[in-house]
Amino acid sequence: MATEIADGVWRLDCGGVNAYLVFDDVPTLVDAGTPWDEGAIRGGLGDAGVDLSAIGRVLLTHYDLDHVGTLAALTPELDAPVHAYGFDAQLLRGYRTPRSGIIKG
């Protein structure tokens, strides 16, 4: 399901997390939900009248499971540059690995 929350800005409801579609110079997907949200992303884009192949770029706010989880499932139909910053970009490129979340002490 998608809800237009401002002119040209849609919230794609992925259950407990959200992704957004922003119409700018190209349709932009902001974040991509969890690995289990492929249907929600595709359905939300459809509700907003956008085909996945029309997405011109993906912006990731950060690299967490609930923000990048379904990116791999959306390819090859999603053929757009993915923008991330710093450590998060290094994770996407495979230069770094995610932290395990286990703290030893």
N, C-alpha and C. Protein backbone atom coordinates (compact mmCIF):
# COMPACT_ATOMS: atom_id res chain seq x y z
N MET A 1 0.84 -1.18 0.00
CA MET A 1 0.00 0.00 0.00
C MET A 1 0.88 1.24 0.00
N ALA A 2 0.47 2.26 -0.69
CA ALA A 2 1.20 3.52 -0.74
C ALA A 2 0.26 4.66 -0.39
N THR A 3 0.78 5.63 0.33
CA THR A 3 0.02 6.80 0.71
C THR A 3 0.81 8.03 0.32
N GLU A 4 0.18 8.94 -0.42
CA GLU A 4 0.85 10.19 -0.77
C GLU A 4 0.81 11.10 0.46
N ILE A 5 1.99 11.39 1.03
CA ILE A 5 2.06 12.18 2.26
C ILE A 5 2.37 13.65 2.00
N ALA A 6 2.82 13.97 0.81
CA ALA A 6 3.06 15.34 0.35
C ALA A 6 3.05 15.27 -1.16
N ASP A 7 2.98 16.40 -1.80
CA ASP A 7 2.96 16.42 -3.26
C ASP A 7 4.22 15.74 -3.81
N GLY A 8 4.04 14.60 -4.47
CA GLY A 8 5.16 13.88 -5.06
C GLY A 8 5.96 13.02 -4.10
N VAL A 9 5.46 12.83 -2.88
CA VAL A 9 6.16 12.00 -1.89
C VAL A 9 5.18 10.93 -1.39
N TRP A 10 5.55 9.68 -1.61
CA TRP A 10 4.70 8.55 -1.23
C TRP A 10 5.39 7.70 -0.17
N ARG A 11 4.65 7.29 0.83
CA ARG A 11 5.14 6.33 1.83
C ARG A 11 4.69 4.95 1.39
N LEU A 12 5.65 4.05 1.24
CA LEU A 12 5.35 2.66 0.87
C LEU A 12 5.33 1.86 2.16
N ASP A 13 4.17 1.36 2.52
CA ASP A 13 3.99 0.68 3.81
C ASP A 13 4.54 -0.74 3.74
N CYS A 14 5.60 -0.98 4.50
CA CYS A 14 6.23 -2.30 4.56
C CYS A 14 6.01 -2.92 5.94
N GLY A 15 4.81 -2.79 6.48
CA GLY A 15 4.54 -3.33 7.80
C GLY A 15 5.12 -2.42 8.86
N GLY A 16 6.12 -2.89 9.58
CA GLY A 16 6.72 -2.10 10.66
C GLY A 16 7.74 -1.08 10.20
N VAL A 17 8.14 -1.13 8.93
CA VAL A 17 9.12 -0.17 8.42
C VAL A 17 8.53 0.51 7.19
N ASN A 18 9.16 1.57 6.75
CA ASN A 18 8.68 2.29 5.59
C ASN A 18 9.78 2.49 4.57
N ALA A 19 9.37 2.64 3.35
CA ALA A 19 10.23 3.09 2.27
C ALA A 19 9.45 4.24 1.63
N TYR A 20 10.13 5.03 0.85
CA TYR A 20 9.47 6.19 0.26
C TYR A 20 9.77 6.27 -1.23
N LEU A 21 8.83 6.83 -1.95
CA LEU A 21 8.99 7.13 -3.36
C LEU A 21 8.89 8.64 -3.49
N VAL A 22 9.91 9.25 -4.07
CA VAL A 22 9.93 10.70 -4.23
C VAL A 22 10.06 11.01 -5.71
N PHE A 23 9.14 11.83 -6.20
CA PHE A 23 9.21 12.26 -7.59
C PHE A 23 10.03 13.54 -7.63
N ASP A 24 11.18 13.45 -8.26
CA ASP A 24 12.08 14.60 -8.44
C ASP A 24 12.35 14.66 -9.94
N ASP A 25 13.57 14.85 -10.34
CA ASP A 25 13.87 14.78 -11.77
C ASP A 25 13.69 13.36 -12.30
N VAL A 26 13.85 12.37 -11.42
CA VAL A 26 13.54 10.97 -11.73
C VAL A 26 12.85 10.38 -10.50
N PRO A 27 12.01 9.36 -10.67
CA PRO A 27 11.42 8.70 -9.51
C PRO A 27 12.55 8.10 -8.66
N THR A 28 12.52 8.39 -7.37
CA THR A 28 13.58 7.98 -6.45
C THR A 28 13.00 7.12 -5.34
N LEU A 29 13.58 5.95 -5.14
CA LEU A 29 13.21 5.08 -4.03
C LEU A 29 14.14 5.39 -2.86
N VAL A 30 13.55 5.73 -1.72
CA VAL A 30 14.33 6.01 -0.52
C VAL A 30 14.13 4.85 0.44
N ASP A 31 15.20 4.09 0.64
CA ASP A 31 15.21 2.87 1.44
C ASP A 31 14.39 1.77 0.76
N ALA A 32 14.59 0.54 1.20
CA ALA A 32 14.00 -0.58 0.46
C ALA A 32 13.45 -1.68 1.36
N GLY A 33 13.11 -1.37 2.59
CA GLY A 33 12.46 -2.36 3.44
C GLY A 33 13.34 -3.55 3.79
N THR A 34 12.71 -4.55 4.41
CA THR A 34 13.39 -5.76 4.84
C THR A 34 13.44 -6.78 3.69
N PRO A 35 14.17 -7.87 3.86
CA PRO A 35 14.19 -8.90 2.81
C PRO A 35 12.81 -9.50 2.53
N TRP A 36 11.86 -9.31 3.42
CA TRP A 36 10.53 -9.88 3.27
C TRP A 36 9.53 -8.89 2.69
N ASP A 37 9.99 -7.72 2.28
CA ASP A 37 9.09 -6.65 1.83
C ASP A 37 9.03 -6.46 0.31
N GLU A 38 9.52 -7.41 -0.44
CA GLU A 38 9.50 -7.24 -1.89
C GLU A 38 8.09 -6.97 -2.41
N GLY A 39 7.13 -7.74 -1.97
CA GLY A 39 5.75 -7.55 -2.41
C GLY A 39 5.19 -6.19 -2.02
N ALA A 40 5.53 -5.73 -0.82
CA ALA A 40 5.06 -4.42 -0.37
C ALA A 40 5.67 -3.30 -1.18
N ILE A 41 6.95 -3.42 -1.51
CA ILE A 41 7.61 -2.40 -2.33
C ILE A 41 6.99 -2.38 -3.72
N ARG A 42 6.89 -3.54 -4.33
CA ARG A 42 6.30 -3.60 -5.68
C ARG A 42 4.86 -3.10 -5.68
N GLY A 43 4.09 -3.53 -4.69
CA GLY A 43 2.69 -3.11 -4.61
C GLY A 43 2.55 -1.61 -4.36
N GLY A 44 3.39 -1.07 -3.48
CA GLY A 44 3.35 0.36 -3.20
C GLY A 44 3.71 1.19 -4.42
N LEU A 45 4.72 0.75 -5.15
CA LEU A 45 5.08 1.46 -6.38
C LEU A 45 3.92 1.42 -7.37
N GLY A 46 3.27 0.26 -7.46
CA GLY A 46 2.10 0.15 -8.34
C GLY A 46 0.98 1.08 -7.91
N ASP A 47 0.73 1.17 -6.60
CA ASP A 47 -0.29 2.09 -6.09
C ASP A 47 0.02 3.53 -6.48
N ALA A 48 1.30 3.87 -6.52
CA ALA A 48 1.73 5.24 -6.87
C ALA A 48 1.83 5.43 -8.39
N GLY A 49 1.57 4.36 -9.14
CA GLY A 49 1.58 4.45 -10.59
C GLY A 49 2.96 4.41 -11.22
N VAL A 50 3.91 3.76 -10.53
CA VAL A 50 5.28 3.70 -11.03
C VAL A 50 5.71 2.26 -11.19
N ASP A 51 6.26 1.94 -12.33
CA ASP A 51 6.84 0.63 -12.57
C ASP A 51 8.24 0.60 -11.96
N LEU A 52 8.63 -0.52 -11.43
CA LEU A 52 9.95 -0.66 -10.81
C LEU A 52 11.07 -0.26 -11.77
N SER A 53 10.91 -0.57 -13.04
CA SER A 53 11.95 -0.24 -14.01
C SER A 53 12.07 1.26 -14.26
N ALA A 54 11.10 2.06 -13.81
CA ALA A 54 11.15 3.52 -13.99
C ALA A 54 11.94 4.22 -12.89
N ILE A 55 12.28 3.50 -11.82
CA ILE A 55 13.04 4.12 -10.73
C ILE A 55 14.41 4.55 -11.27
N GLY A 56 14.75 5.81 -11.07
CA GLY A 56 15.99 6.36 -11.60
C GLY A 56 17.15 6.34 -10.64
N ARG A 57 16.85 6.22 -9.34
CA ARG A 57 17.92 6.12 -8.34
C ARG A 57 17.32 5.60 -7.03
N VAL A 58 18.21 5.07 -6.21
CA VAL A 58 17.85 4.60 -4.87
C VAL A 58 18.74 5.35 -3.89
N LEU A 59 18.12 5.93 -2.87
CA LEU A 59 18.86 6.58 -1.79
C LEU A 59 18.69 5.75 -0.53
N LEU A 60 19.80 5.40 0.09
CA LEU A 60 19.73 4.65 1.35
C LEU A 60 20.12 5.56 2.50
N THR A 61 19.25 5.65 3.49
CA THR A 61 19.56 6.49 4.64
C THR A 61 20.66 5.88 5.48
N HIS A 62 20.67 4.54 5.57
CA HIS A 62 21.75 3.82 6.24
C HIS A 62 21.59 2.33 5.97
N TYR A 63 22.63 1.59 6.28
CA TYR A 63 22.67 0.16 5.98
C TYR A 63 22.21 -0.62 7.20
N ASP A 64 20.94 -0.88 7.24
CA ASP A 64 20.34 -1.78 8.23
C ASP A 64 19.42 -2.72 7.46
N LEU A 65 19.14 -3.85 8.04
CA LEU A 65 18.31 -4.87 7.39
C LEU A 65 16.98 -4.30 6.93
N ASP A 66 16.41 -3.38 7.71
CA ASP A 66 15.09 -2.84 7.35
C ASP A 66 15.16 -1.66 6.38
N HIS A 67 16.34 -1.38 5.85
CA HIS A 67 16.49 -0.29 4.87
C HIS A 67 17.05 -0.78 3.54
N VAL A 68 17.78 -1.87 3.54
CA VAL A 68 18.40 -2.39 2.31
C VAL A 68 17.94 -3.81 1.98
N GLY A 69 17.10 -4.38 2.82
CA GLY A 69 16.81 -5.80 2.76
C GLY A 69 16.29 -6.37 1.46
N THR A 70 15.48 -5.62 0.73
CA THR A 70 14.89 -6.20 -0.47
C THR A 70 15.55 -5.75 -1.77
N LEU A 71 16.64 -4.98 -1.67
CA LEU A 71 17.31 -4.50 -2.89
C LEU A 71 17.68 -5.63 -3.85
N ALA A 72 18.29 -6.69 -3.34
CA ALA A 72 18.72 -7.79 -4.21
C ALA A 72 17.54 -8.45 -4.90
N ALA A 73 16.41 -8.56 -4.21
CA ALA A 73 15.23 -9.20 -4.80
C ALA A 73 14.61 -8.35 -5.90
N LEU A 74 14.88 -7.06 -5.90
CA LEU A 74 14.30 -6.17 -6.91
C LEU A 74 15.10 -6.10 -8.20
N THR A 75 16.32 -6.62 -8.18
CA THR A 75 17.13 -6.62 -9.40
C THR A 75 16.84 -7.90 -10.19
N PRO A 76 17.01 -7.95 -11.47
CA PRO A 76 17.59 -6.95 -12.35
C PRO A 76 16.59 -5.91 -12.83
N GLU A 77 15.29 -6.08 -12.48
CA GLU A 77 14.28 -5.13 -12.94
C GLU A 77 14.57 -3.70 -12.46
N LEU A 78 15.09 -3.59 -11.24
CA LEU A 78 15.53 -2.30 -10.72
C LEU A 78 16.96 -2.08 -11.19
N ASP A 79 17.13 -1.19 -12.14
CA ASP A 79 18.44 -0.92 -12.71
C ASP A 79 18.74 0.57 -12.53
N ALA A 80 19.09 0.92 -11.30
CA ALA A 80 19.31 2.32 -10.96
C ALA A 80 20.51 2.43 -10.04
N PRO A 81 21.21 3.55 -10.08
CA PRO A 81 22.31 3.73 -9.13
C PRO A 81 21.79 3.78 -7.70
N VAL A 82 22.57 3.21 -6.79
CA VAL A 82 22.24 3.22 -5.37
C VAL A 82 23.21 4.16 -4.68
N HIS A 83 22.67 5.12 -3.96
CA HIS A 83 23.49 6.12 -3.28
C HIS A 83 23.46 5.88 -1.77
N ALA A 84 24.64 5.82 -1.21
CA ALA A 84 24.82 5.67 0.23
C ALA A 84 26.09 6.42 0.59
N TYR A 85 26.31 6.65 1.87
CA TYR A 85 27.44 7.46 2.29
C TYR A 85 28.35 6.69 3.25
N GLY A 86 29.64 6.96 3.16
CA GLY A 86 30.62 6.52 4.14
C GLY A 86 30.66 5.02 4.35
N PHE A 87 30.57 4.63 5.61
CA PHE A 87 30.64 3.23 6.00
C PHE A 87 29.57 2.41 5.30
N ASP A 88 28.37 2.99 5.16
CA ASP A 88 27.26 2.29 4.51
C ASP A 88 27.59 1.98 3.05
N ALA A 89 28.21 2.91 2.36
CA ALA A 89 28.61 2.68 0.96
C ALA A 89 29.66 1.58 0.89
N GLN A 90 30.57 1.55 1.84
CA GLN A 90 31.59 0.50 1.86
C GLN A 90 30.96 -0.87 2.06
N LEU A 91 29.92 -0.95 2.87
CA LEU A 91 29.20 -2.20 3.06
C LEU A 91 28.56 -2.67 1.76
N LEU A 92 27.91 -1.76 1.07
CA LEU A 92 27.24 -2.11 -0.19
C LEU A 92 28.22 -2.59 -1.24
N ARG A 93 29.40 -2.00 -1.27
CA ARG A 93 30.40 -2.38 -2.26
C ARG A 93 31.17 -3.64 -1.87
N GLY A 94 30.95 -4.12 -0.65
CA GLY A 94 31.64 -5.32 -0.19
C GLY A 94 33.02 -5.06 0.37
N TYR A 95 33.37 -3.79 0.59
CA TYR A 95 34.67 -3.44 1.17
C TYR A 95 34.72 -3.69 2.67
N ARG A 96 33.58 -3.70 3.30
CA ARG A 96 33.46 -3.93 4.74
C ARG A 96 32.34 -4.95 4.96
N THR A 97 32.29 -5.53 6.14
CA THR A 97 31.21 -6.42 6.51
C THR A 97 30.43 -5.80 7.66
N PRO A 98 29.13 -6.07 7.72
CA PRO A 98 28.32 -5.51 8.80
C PRO A 98 28.80 -6.01 10.16
N ARG A 99 28.64 -5.17 11.14
CA ARG A 99 28.97 -5.57 12.51
C ARG A 99 27.98 -6.64 12.95
N SER A 100 28.43 -7.56 13.77
CA SER A 100 27.58 -8.66 14.21
C SER A 100 26.60 -8.24 15.28
N GLY A 101 26.84 -7.16 15.95
CA GLY A 101 25.96 -6.74 17.02
C GLY A 101 26.32 -7.38 18.36
N ILE A 102 27.33 -8.24 18.36
CA ILE A 102 27.75 -8.90 19.59
C ILE A 102 28.84 -8.07 20.23
N ILE A 103 28.62 -7.69 21.48
CA ILE A 103 29.61 -6.91 22.21
C ILE A 103 30.28 -7.81 23.23
N LYS A 104 31.58 -7.90 23.15
CA LYS A 104 32.32 -8.71 24.12
C LYS A 104 32.85 -7.78 25.19
N GLY A 105 32.82 -8.23 26.41
CA GLY A 105 33.32 -7.34 27.44
C GLY A 105 33.51 -7.94 28.76
